N, C-alpha and C. Protein backbone atom coordinates (compact mmCIF):
# COMPACT_ATOMS: atom_id res chain seq x y z
N MET A 1 22.85 -2.57 -14.24
CA MET A 1 21.68 -2.15 -13.69
C MET A 1 21.27 -3.08 -12.82
N GLU A 2 20.69 -2.67 -11.60
CA GLU A 2 20.02 -3.97 -10.86
C GLU A 2 18.50 -4.35 -11.54
N LYS A 3 18.62 -5.68 -11.01
CA LYS A 3 17.09 -6.59 -11.46
C LYS A 3 16.31 -5.72 -10.38
N THR A 4 15.19 -5.51 -11.01
CA THR A 4 13.78 -5.16 -10.12
C THR A 4 13.63 -6.42 -9.65
N ARG A 5 13.13 -5.92 -8.27
CA ARG A 5 12.60 -7.00 -7.45
C ARG A 5 11.20 -7.16 -7.32
N THR A 6 10.50 -8.23 -6.91
CA THR A 6 9.14 -8.27 -6.32
C THR A 6 9.14 -8.85 -5.08
N VAL A 7 8.62 -7.67 -4.29
CA VAL A 7 8.37 -8.01 -2.90
C VAL A 7 6.85 -7.98 -2.45
N GLY A 8 6.62 -8.99 -1.77
CA GLY A 8 5.27 -9.36 -1.03
C GLY A 8 5.55 -8.69 0.14
N VAL A 9 4.20 -8.16 0.57
CA VAL A 9 3.71 -7.80 1.87
C VAL A 9 2.44 -8.45 2.26
N ALA A 10 2.53 -8.99 3.55
CA ALA A 10 1.09 -9.61 3.83
C ALA A 10 0.53 -8.58 4.64
N MET A 11 -1.02 -8.29 3.84
CA MET A 11 -1.38 -6.98 4.47
C MET A 11 -2.97 -7.60 4.85
N ASP A 12 -3.09 -7.55 6.32
CA ASP A 12 -4.48 -7.77 6.93
C ASP A 12 -5.01 -6.52 7.53
N PHE A 13 -4.40 -5.25 7.03
CA PHE A 13 -4.74 -4.01 7.43
C PHE A 13 -4.92 -3.61 9.00
N SER A 14 -4.03 -4.44 9.63
CA SER A 14 -3.72 -4.26 11.02
C SER A 14 -2.64 -3.18 11.23
N PRO A 15 -2.81 -2.58 12.67
CA PRO A 15 -1.54 -1.69 12.54
C PRO A 15 -0.21 -2.41 12.30
N THR A 16 -0.10 -3.51 12.67
CA THR A 16 1.31 -4.15 12.63
C THR A 16 1.61 -4.22 10.98
N SER A 17 0.61 -4.55 10.27
CA SER A 17 0.89 -5.07 8.82
C SER A 17 1.05 -3.58 8.26
N LYS A 18 0.69 -2.52 8.82
CA LYS A 18 1.03 -1.26 8.11
C LYS A 18 2.45 -0.79 8.66
N VAL A 19 2.62 -1.25 9.78
CA VAL A 19 4.18 -0.96 10.23
C VAL A 19 5.27 -1.77 9.20
N ALA A 20 4.89 -2.94 9.00
CA ALA A 20 5.43 -3.67 8.02
C ALA A 20 5.70 -3.07 6.49
N LEU A 21 4.45 -2.60 6.14
CA LEU A 21 4.48 -2.11 4.98
C LEU A 21 5.40 -0.63 4.67
N ARG A 22 5.34 0.16 5.89
CA ARG A 22 6.24 1.31 6.07
C ARG A 22 7.71 1.05 6.10
N TRP A 23 7.94 -0.17 6.79
CA TRP A 23 9.29 -0.72 7.05
C TRP A 23 9.76 -0.88 5.47
N THR A 24 9.00 -1.72 4.82
CA THR A 24 9.53 -2.25 3.48
C THR A 24 9.80 -1.11 2.58
N PHE A 25 8.93 -0.16 2.75
CA PHE A 25 9.28 1.35 2.04
C PHE A 25 10.71 1.79 2.35
N ASP A 26 10.92 2.09 3.69
CA ASP A 26 11.88 2.84 4.29
C ASP A 26 13.14 1.83 4.01
N ASN A 27 13.33 0.42 4.07
CA ASN A 27 14.47 -0.28 4.38
C ASN A 27 14.83 -1.15 3.00
N LEU A 28 13.79 -1.61 2.37
CA LEU A 28 14.19 -2.82 1.39
C LEU A 28 13.81 -2.20 -0.22
N ILE A 29 12.77 -1.65 -0.36
CA ILE A 29 12.28 -1.19 -1.75
C ILE A 29 13.30 -0.28 -2.34
N LYS A 30 13.69 -0.94 -3.58
CA LYS A 30 14.57 0.24 -4.24
C LYS A 30 13.83 0.89 -5.64
N LYS A 31 14.24 1.78 -6.11
CA LYS A 31 13.44 2.32 -7.44
C LYS A 31 13.18 1.32 -8.58
N GLY A 32 11.87 1.42 -8.87
CA GLY A 32 11.42 0.83 -9.68
C GLY A 32 11.03 -1.17 -9.52
N ASP A 33 11.17 -1.19 -8.26
CA ASP A 33 10.90 -2.45 -7.66
C ASP A 33 9.40 -2.69 -7.65
N GLN A 34 8.75 -3.78 -7.69
CA GLN A 34 7.27 -3.97 -7.46
C GLN A 34 6.93 -4.54 -6.28
N ILE A 35 5.81 -4.14 -5.60
CA ILE A 35 5.58 -4.59 -4.27
C ILE A 35 4.07 -5.12 -4.74
N ILE A 36 3.71 -6.39 -4.04
CA ILE A 36 2.39 -6.98 -4.13
C ILE A 36 1.86 -7.07 -2.56
N LEU A 37 0.84 -6.30 -2.46
CA LEU A 37 0.26 -6.78 -0.98
C LEU A 37 -0.59 -7.80 -1.00
N ILE A 38 -0.50 -8.65 0.00
CA ILE A 38 -1.12 -10.00 -0.14
C ILE A 38 -2.13 -10.20 1.11
N ASN A 39 -3.23 -10.25 0.81
CA ASN A 39 -4.12 -10.30 1.68
C ASN A 39 -4.82 -11.78 1.51
N VAL A 40 -5.22 -12.25 2.86
CA VAL A 40 -5.70 -13.66 2.68
C VAL A 40 -7.00 -13.65 3.77
N GLN A 41 -8.06 -13.97 2.93
CA GLN A 41 -9.67 -13.84 3.60
C GLN A 41 -9.70 -15.49 4.40
N PRO A 42 -10.56 -15.14 5.30
CA PRO A 42 -10.94 -16.60 5.94
C PRO A 42 -11.44 -17.49 5.07
N PRO A 43 -11.56 -18.62 5.06
CA PRO A 43 -12.21 -19.72 4.21
C PRO A 43 -13.42 -19.70 4.15
N GLN A 44 -14.08 -18.90 5.41
CA GLN A 44 -15.70 -18.89 5.20
C GLN A 44 -16.07 -17.77 4.77
N ALA A 45 -15.06 -16.72 4.11
CA ALA A 45 -15.73 -15.66 3.69
C ALA A 45 -16.61 -15.73 2.49
N HIS A 46 -17.45 -14.89 2.11
CA HIS A 46 -18.46 -15.18 1.13
C HIS A 46 -18.30 -13.88 0.49
N HIS A 47 -17.51 -13.71 -0.67
CA HIS A 47 -17.68 -12.52 -1.37
C HIS A 47 -17.77 -12.93 -2.86
N THR A 48 -17.98 -11.99 -3.65
CA THR A 48 -18.50 -12.32 -5.12
C THR A 48 -17.35 -12.91 -5.79
N ARG A 49 -16.38 -12.30 -5.54
CA ARG A 49 -15.10 -12.80 -6.26
C ARG A 49 -14.72 -14.25 -5.85
N LYS A 50 -14.80 -14.54 -4.78
CA LYS A 50 -14.41 -16.06 -3.90
C LYS A 50 -14.48 -16.97 -5.02
N GLU A 51 -15.97 -17.42 -5.26
CA GLU A 51 -16.14 -18.42 -6.26
C GLU A 51 -15.02 -18.56 -7.44
N LEU A 52 -14.92 -17.43 -8.08
CA LEU A 52 -14.42 -17.18 -9.25
C LEU A 52 -12.60 -17.49 -8.99
N PHE A 53 -12.11 -17.33 -7.81
CA PHE A 53 -10.72 -17.27 -7.57
C PHE A 53 -10.11 -17.84 -6.33
N GLU A 54 -11.14 -18.91 -5.73
CA GLU A 54 -10.80 -19.58 -4.47
C GLU A 54 -9.37 -20.30 -4.57
N ASP A 55 -9.30 -21.10 -5.69
CA ASP A 55 -8.31 -22.05 -5.82
C ASP A 55 -7.02 -21.17 -6.12
N THR A 56 -7.20 -20.24 -6.95
CA THR A 56 -5.81 -19.40 -7.53
C THR A 56 -5.65 -18.20 -6.84
N GLY A 57 -6.64 -17.76 -6.17
CA GLY A 57 -6.34 -16.19 -5.76
C GLY A 57 -6.62 -15.30 -6.65
N SER A 58 -7.14 -14.18 -6.27
CA SER A 58 -7.66 -13.18 -7.28
C SER A 58 -6.36 -12.97 -8.50
N PRO A 59 -6.86 -12.32 -9.58
CA PRO A 59 -5.86 -11.63 -10.21
C PRO A 59 -5.13 -10.57 -9.55
N LEU A 60 -3.96 -10.16 -10.22
CA LEU A 60 -3.15 -8.92 -9.58
C LEU A 60 -4.13 -7.69 -9.86
N VAL A 61 -4.32 -6.90 -8.71
CA VAL A 61 -5.35 -5.87 -8.87
C VAL A 61 -4.29 -4.72 -8.69
N PRO A 62 -4.31 -3.79 -9.69
CA PRO A 62 -3.45 -2.49 -9.68
C PRO A 62 -3.99 -1.62 -8.61
N LEU A 63 -3.19 -0.58 -8.24
CA LEU A 63 -3.43 0.27 -7.45
C LEU A 63 -4.60 1.15 -7.54
N GLU A 64 -4.86 1.76 -8.90
CA GLU A 64 -6.06 2.23 -9.19
C GLU A 64 -7.29 1.71 -8.84
N GLU A 65 -7.37 0.19 -8.79
CA GLU A 65 -8.56 -0.43 -8.53
C GLU A 65 -8.62 -0.59 -7.17
N LEU A 66 -7.34 -0.46 -6.21
CA LEU A 66 -7.78 -0.68 -5.01
C LEU A 66 -8.18 0.47 -4.07
N ARG A 67 -8.31 1.73 -4.93
CA ARG A 67 -8.96 3.01 -4.55
C ARG A 67 -10.55 2.68 -4.52
N GLU A 68 -10.97 1.94 -5.50
CA GLU A 68 -12.39 1.97 -5.86
C GLU A 68 -13.19 0.99 -4.80
N LEU A 69 -14.50 1.59 -4.72
CA LEU A 69 -15.17 1.18 -3.64
C LEU A 69 -15.82 -0.38 -4.17
N ASN A 70 -15.83 -0.53 -5.31
CA ASN A 70 -16.38 -1.79 -5.87
C ASN A 70 -15.60 -2.80 -5.85
N PHE A 71 -14.00 -2.62 -5.75
CA PHE A 71 -13.04 -3.39 -5.29
C PHE A 71 -13.26 -4.09 -3.94
N THR A 72 -13.55 -2.90 -3.00
CA THR A 72 -13.82 -3.38 -1.58
C THR A 72 -14.77 -4.29 -1.49
N LYS A 73 -16.06 -4.02 -2.18
CA LYS A 73 -17.16 -4.64 -1.90
C LYS A 73 -16.92 -6.40 -2.61
N GLN A 74 -16.37 -6.37 -3.77
CA GLN A 74 -16.16 -7.72 -4.46
C GLN A 74 -15.27 -8.55 -3.69
N TYR A 75 -14.23 -7.95 -2.64
CA TYR A 75 -13.17 -8.89 -2.23
C TYR A 75 -13.53 -8.91 -0.54
N GLY A 76 -14.38 -8.00 -0.27
CA GLY A 76 -14.65 -7.82 1.23
C GLY A 76 -13.51 -7.14 2.32
N ILE A 77 -12.71 -6.30 1.41
CA ILE A 77 -11.61 -5.82 1.92
C ILE A 77 -11.81 -4.03 2.40
N ALA A 78 -11.61 -3.81 3.43
CA ALA A 78 -12.06 -2.29 3.72
C ALA A 78 -11.06 -1.40 2.92
N ARG A 79 -11.59 -0.59 2.38
CA ARG A 79 -10.47 0.62 1.78
C ARG A 79 -9.91 1.38 2.66
N ASP A 80 -8.49 1.15 2.55
CA ASP A 80 -7.87 1.94 3.73
C ASP A 80 -6.93 2.97 3.12
N ALA A 81 -7.19 4.06 3.55
CA ALA A 81 -6.74 5.43 3.06
C ALA A 81 -5.21 5.48 3.30
N GLU A 82 -4.96 4.95 4.58
CA GLU A 82 -3.44 5.13 4.78
C GLU A 82 -2.61 4.24 3.89
N VAL A 83 -3.09 3.01 3.79
CA VAL A 83 -2.33 2.02 2.89
C VAL A 83 -2.01 2.70 1.42
N ILE A 84 -3.34 3.20 1.11
CA ILE A 84 -3.30 3.98 -0.27
C ILE A 84 -2.56 4.91 -0.50
N ASP A 85 -2.24 5.84 0.46
CA ASP A 85 -1.25 7.00 0.61
C ASP A 85 0.15 6.26 0.58
N LEU A 86 0.29 5.44 1.67
CA LEU A 86 1.81 4.85 1.32
C LEU A 86 2.30 4.28 0.07
N LEU A 87 1.24 3.65 -0.32
CA LEU A 87 1.47 3.14 -1.85
C LEU A 87 1.66 4.49 -2.77
N ASP A 88 0.90 5.24 -2.59
CA ASP A 88 1.07 6.50 -3.72
C ASP A 88 2.29 7.00 -3.26
N THR A 89 2.54 7.34 -2.22
CA THR A 89 3.98 7.80 -2.02
C THR A 89 5.27 7.14 -2.45
N ALA A 90 5.36 5.84 -2.26
CA ALA A 90 6.05 4.91 -2.90
C ALA A 90 6.23 5.03 -4.60
N TRP A 91 5.16 5.05 -5.00
CA TRP A 91 5.10 5.22 -6.69
C TRP A 91 5.70 6.44 -7.02
N LYS A 92 5.43 7.57 -6.29
CA LYS A 92 5.58 9.09 -6.67
C LYS A 92 7.33 8.95 -6.16
N THR A 93 7.75 8.67 -5.13
CA THR A 93 9.39 8.78 -4.89
C THR A 93 10.12 7.80 -5.49
N LYS A 94 9.76 6.39 -5.47
CA LYS A 94 10.69 5.51 -5.93
C LYS A 94 10.16 4.60 -7.32
N GLY A 95 9.05 5.26 -7.82
CA GLY A 95 8.37 4.54 -9.14
C GLY A 95 8.24 3.13 -8.80
N VAL A 96 7.67 2.70 -7.54
CA VAL A 96 7.27 1.38 -7.23
C VAL A 96 6.10 1.04 -7.71
N LYS A 97 5.83 0.01 -8.38
CA LYS A 97 4.55 -0.33 -9.04
C LYS A 97 3.96 -1.28 -7.95
N ALA A 98 2.78 -1.00 -7.64
CA ALA A 98 2.04 -1.64 -6.51
C ALA A 98 0.92 -2.45 -7.03
N VAL A 99 0.65 -3.41 -6.65
CA VAL A 99 -0.62 -4.28 -6.85
C VAL A 99 -0.91 -5.14 -5.74
N ALA A 100 -2.16 -5.73 -5.67
CA ALA A 100 -2.61 -6.51 -4.78
C ALA A 100 -3.02 -7.87 -5.14
N LYS A 101 -3.13 -8.92 -4.49
CA LYS A 101 -3.63 -10.04 -4.92
C LYS A 101 -4.30 -10.82 -3.54
N VAL A 102 -5.66 -11.37 -3.71
CA VAL A 102 -6.55 -11.57 -2.62
C VAL A 102 -6.37 -13.06 -2.46
N TYR A 103 -6.18 -14.09 -1.51
CA TYR A 103 -6.30 -15.39 -1.58
C TYR A 103 -7.34 -15.73 -0.45
N TRP A 104 -7.83 -16.95 -0.27
CA TRP A 104 -8.70 -17.32 0.59
C TRP A 104 -8.27 -18.62 1.42
N GLY A 105 -8.49 -18.68 2.57
CA GLY A 105 -7.68 -20.02 3.48
C GLY A 105 -7.06 -19.53 4.54
N ASP A 106 -6.04 -20.60 4.95
CA ASP A 106 -5.11 -20.49 6.04
C ASP A 106 -3.93 -19.67 5.70
N PRO A 107 -3.74 -18.24 6.43
CA PRO A 107 -2.72 -17.48 5.96
C PRO A 107 -1.32 -18.24 5.94
N ARG A 108 -1.02 -19.13 6.96
CA ARG A 108 0.33 -19.83 6.66
C ARG A 108 0.42 -20.70 5.72
N GLU A 109 -0.19 -21.16 5.04
CA GLU A 109 -0.36 -21.93 3.63
C GLU A 109 -0.61 -21.27 2.54
N LYS A 110 -1.15 -19.76 2.68
CA LYS A 110 -1.40 -19.22 1.51
C LYS A 110 -0.46 -18.12 1.22
N LEU A 111 0.35 -17.70 2.23
CA LEU A 111 1.23 -16.90 2.22
C LEU A 111 2.49 -17.53 1.57
N CYS A 112 2.73 -18.72 1.92
CA CYS A 112 3.81 -19.70 1.26
C CYS A 112 3.77 -19.99 -0.18
N ASP A 113 2.08 -20.35 -0.59
CA ASP A 113 1.67 -20.36 -1.96
C ASP A 113 2.05 -19.00 -2.50
N ALA A 114 1.74 -18.15 -2.08
CA ALA A 114 2.16 -16.66 -2.83
C ALA A 114 3.48 -16.53 -3.09
N VAL A 115 4.23 -16.92 -2.59
CA VAL A 115 5.86 -16.88 -2.86
C VAL A 115 6.05 -17.58 -4.21
N GLU A 116 5.76 -18.64 -4.07
CA GLU A 116 5.84 -19.42 -5.47
C GLU A 116 4.99 -19.08 -6.67
N ASP A 117 3.63 -18.72 -6.28
CA ASP A 117 2.60 -18.16 -7.19
C ASP A 117 3.37 -16.82 -8.10
N LEU A 118 3.95 -15.86 -7.25
CA LEU A 118 4.11 -14.90 -7.49
C LEU A 118 5.58 -14.38 -7.76
N HIS A 119 6.35 -15.61 -7.59
CA HIS A 119 7.96 -15.55 -7.80
C HIS A 119 8.70 -14.42 -6.96
N LEU A 120 8.15 -14.32 -5.57
CA LEU A 120 8.48 -13.21 -4.78
C LEU A 120 9.88 -13.39 -4.63
N ASP A 121 10.70 -12.39 -4.59
CA ASP A 121 12.32 -12.22 -4.22
C ASP A 121 12.20 -12.18 -2.66
N SER A 122 11.21 -11.66 -2.00
CA SER A 122 11.24 -11.45 -0.45
C SER A 122 9.60 -11.40 -0.10
N LEU A 123 9.50 -11.72 1.10
CA LEU A 123 8.28 -11.68 1.86
C LEU A 123 8.54 -10.69 3.15
N VAL A 124 7.53 -9.83 3.08
CA VAL A 124 7.75 -9.08 4.56
C VAL A 124 6.39 -9.28 5.24
N LEU A 125 6.14 -9.53 6.64
CA LEU A 125 4.93 -9.79 7.33
C LEU A 125 5.35 -9.01 8.54
N GLY A 126 4.11 -8.43 9.35
CA GLY A 126 4.22 -8.17 10.53
C GLY A 126 3.90 -9.03 11.84
N SER A 127 4.52 -8.80 12.67
CA SER A 127 4.41 -9.74 13.90
C SER A 127 3.04 -9.24 14.72
N ARG A 128 2.21 -10.39 14.86
CA ARG A 128 1.00 -9.80 15.61
C ARG A 128 1.24 -10.00 17.11
N GLY A 129 2.46 -10.50 17.49
CA GLY A 129 3.01 -10.64 18.95
C GLY A 129 1.99 -11.16 19.85
N LEU A 130 1.17 -12.25 19.38
CA LEU A 130 0.53 -13.11 20.04
C LEU A 130 1.28 -13.76 21.44
N GLY A 131 0.70 -13.80 22.64
CA GLY A 131 1.14 -14.34 23.73
C GLY A 131 1.52 -15.71 23.62
N PRO A 132 2.18 -16.22 24.45
CA PRO A 132 2.42 -17.46 24.62
C PRO A 132 1.58 -18.82 24.40
N ILE A 133 0.10 -18.32 25.01
CA ILE A 133 -0.76 -19.29 25.06
C ILE A 133 -1.60 -19.38 23.64
N LYS A 134 -2.05 -18.09 23.17
CA LYS A 134 -2.36 -17.67 21.65
C LYS A 134 -1.39 -18.52 20.52
N ARG A 135 -0.08 -18.48 20.84
CA ARG A 135 0.59 -18.64 20.00
C ARG A 135 0.59 -20.31 19.80
N VAL A 136 0.63 -21.07 20.84
CA VAL A 136 0.48 -22.46 20.75
C VAL A 136 -1.09 -22.71 20.43
N LEU A 137 -1.99 -22.12 20.71
CA LEU A 137 -3.12 -22.74 20.28
C LEU A 137 -3.49 -22.21 18.92
N LEU A 138 -3.31 -20.97 18.32
CA LEU A 138 -3.34 -20.72 16.95
C LEU A 138 -2.39 -21.08 16.19
N GLY A 139 -1.23 -21.10 16.62
CA GLY A 139 0.02 -21.15 15.78
C GLY A 139 0.50 -19.67 15.38
N SER A 140 2.02 -19.62 15.08
CA SER A 140 2.45 -18.37 14.43
C SER A 140 2.45 -18.40 12.87
N VAL A 141 1.79 -17.74 12.33
CA VAL A 141 1.87 -17.38 10.82
C VAL A 141 3.15 -17.32 10.55
N SER A 142 3.93 -16.03 11.20
CA SER A 142 5.29 -15.91 10.80
C SER A 142 6.39 -16.63 11.04
N LYS A 143 6.17 -17.66 12.25
CA LYS A 143 6.96 -18.66 12.20
C LYS A 143 7.01 -19.64 11.21
N HIS A 144 5.76 -20.02 10.85
CA HIS A 144 5.54 -21.22 9.74
C HIS A 144 6.24 -20.66 8.49
N VAL A 145 5.72 -19.09 8.21
CA VAL A 145 6.31 -18.93 6.80
C VAL A 145 7.62 -18.88 6.72
N MET A 146 8.38 -18.27 7.93
CA MET A 146 9.69 -18.22 8.03
C MET A 146 10.50 -19.66 7.60
N THR A 147 9.90 -20.77 8.26
CA THR A 147 10.29 -22.04 8.27
C THR A 147 10.02 -22.66 6.71
N ASN A 148 8.66 -22.40 6.07
CA ASN A 148 8.49 -23.07 4.89
C ASN A 148 8.55 -22.13 3.66
N ALA A 149 8.68 -20.76 3.72
CA ALA A 149 8.58 -20.26 2.31
C ALA A 149 10.13 -20.28 1.56
N SER A 150 10.24 -20.31 0.31
CA SER A 150 11.55 -20.44 -0.46
C SER A 150 11.88 -19.03 -0.81
N CYS A 151 11.66 -18.02 -0.20
CA CYS A 151 12.74 -16.78 -0.41
C CYS A 151 12.77 -16.18 1.10
N PRO A 152 13.67 -15.25 1.16
CA PRO A 152 14.05 -14.59 2.20
C PRO A 152 12.68 -13.71 3.00
N VAL A 153 12.33 -14.21 4.15
CA VAL A 153 11.32 -13.48 5.03
C VAL A 153 11.51 -12.62 6.12
N THR A 154 11.10 -11.41 6.05
CA THR A 154 11.39 -10.53 7.18
C THR A 154 9.99 -10.04 7.96
N VAL A 155 10.31 -10.48 9.23
CA VAL A 155 9.18 -10.21 10.04
C VAL A 155 9.63 -8.93 11.31
N VAL A 156 8.56 -8.15 10.91
CA VAL A 156 8.68 -6.63 11.40
C VAL A 156 7.87 -6.42 12.41
N LYS A 157 8.51 -6.30 13.99
CA LYS A 157 7.70 -5.97 15.12
C LYS A 157 7.34 -4.72 15.42
N ALA A 158 6.17 -4.56 15.45
CA ALA A 158 5.78 -3.06 16.00
C ALA A 158 6.38 -2.42 17.09
N LYS A 159 6.64 -1.25 17.30
CA LYS A 159 7.52 -0.92 18.34
C LYS A 159 6.49 -0.69 19.63
N GLN A 160 6.72 -1.05 20.93
CA GLN A 160 5.54 -1.14 21.87
C GLN A 160 5.86 0.26 22.71
N SER A 161 4.72 0.80 22.92
CA SER A 161 5.23 1.94 23.98
C SER A 161 5.32 1.38 25.39
N SER A 162 5.71 2.17 26.27
CA SER A 162 6.03 1.58 27.60
C SER A 162 4.77 1.49 28.37
N ASN A 163 3.51 2.45 27.69
CA ASN A 163 2.25 1.97 28.51
C ASN A 163 1.49 0.97 28.02
N SER A 164 1.96 0.12 27.19
CA SER A 164 1.02 -0.93 26.63
C SER A 164 1.74 -2.32 27.07
N ARG A 165 2.21 -2.44 28.30
CA ARG A 165 2.85 -3.62 28.55
C ARG A 165 1.85 -4.33 29.08
N HIS A 166 1.71 -5.86 28.84
CA HIS A 166 0.39 -6.71 29.19
C HIS A 166 1.32 -7.50 30.27
């Protein structure tokens, strides 16, 4: 019997992070695996749970709590029906256990920390597709994580329609 794996998905609830989550379910997750949604809030965010968990990140939050309005208020994360639906479907079809963890700080550092803290077997993140100037100014989260994380990292690019060329 295969070992169950723990797969992290960087989730900022953007369209590209949802594409990465869907890709993870379609291509990576197997029956019984655990998925951890990793959300990184900006360091200046002020939510009720930040003072308690700023250094370590939040406790693992089960799927049931992600549905609750109280969770979204405590952590400053919008409740997202599409993400909840994807997680429910994965649980029903593949028996995937889904939890979430919130960190505060620089996403580049915190995603690499999460790999270690959570003993991830793999990490998946969406590519925001910054242009060359923004990438130089802001730095590429995906490039930093691919270079520094101690597990395999998959960067999922959203398909661009022919009408959305820049």
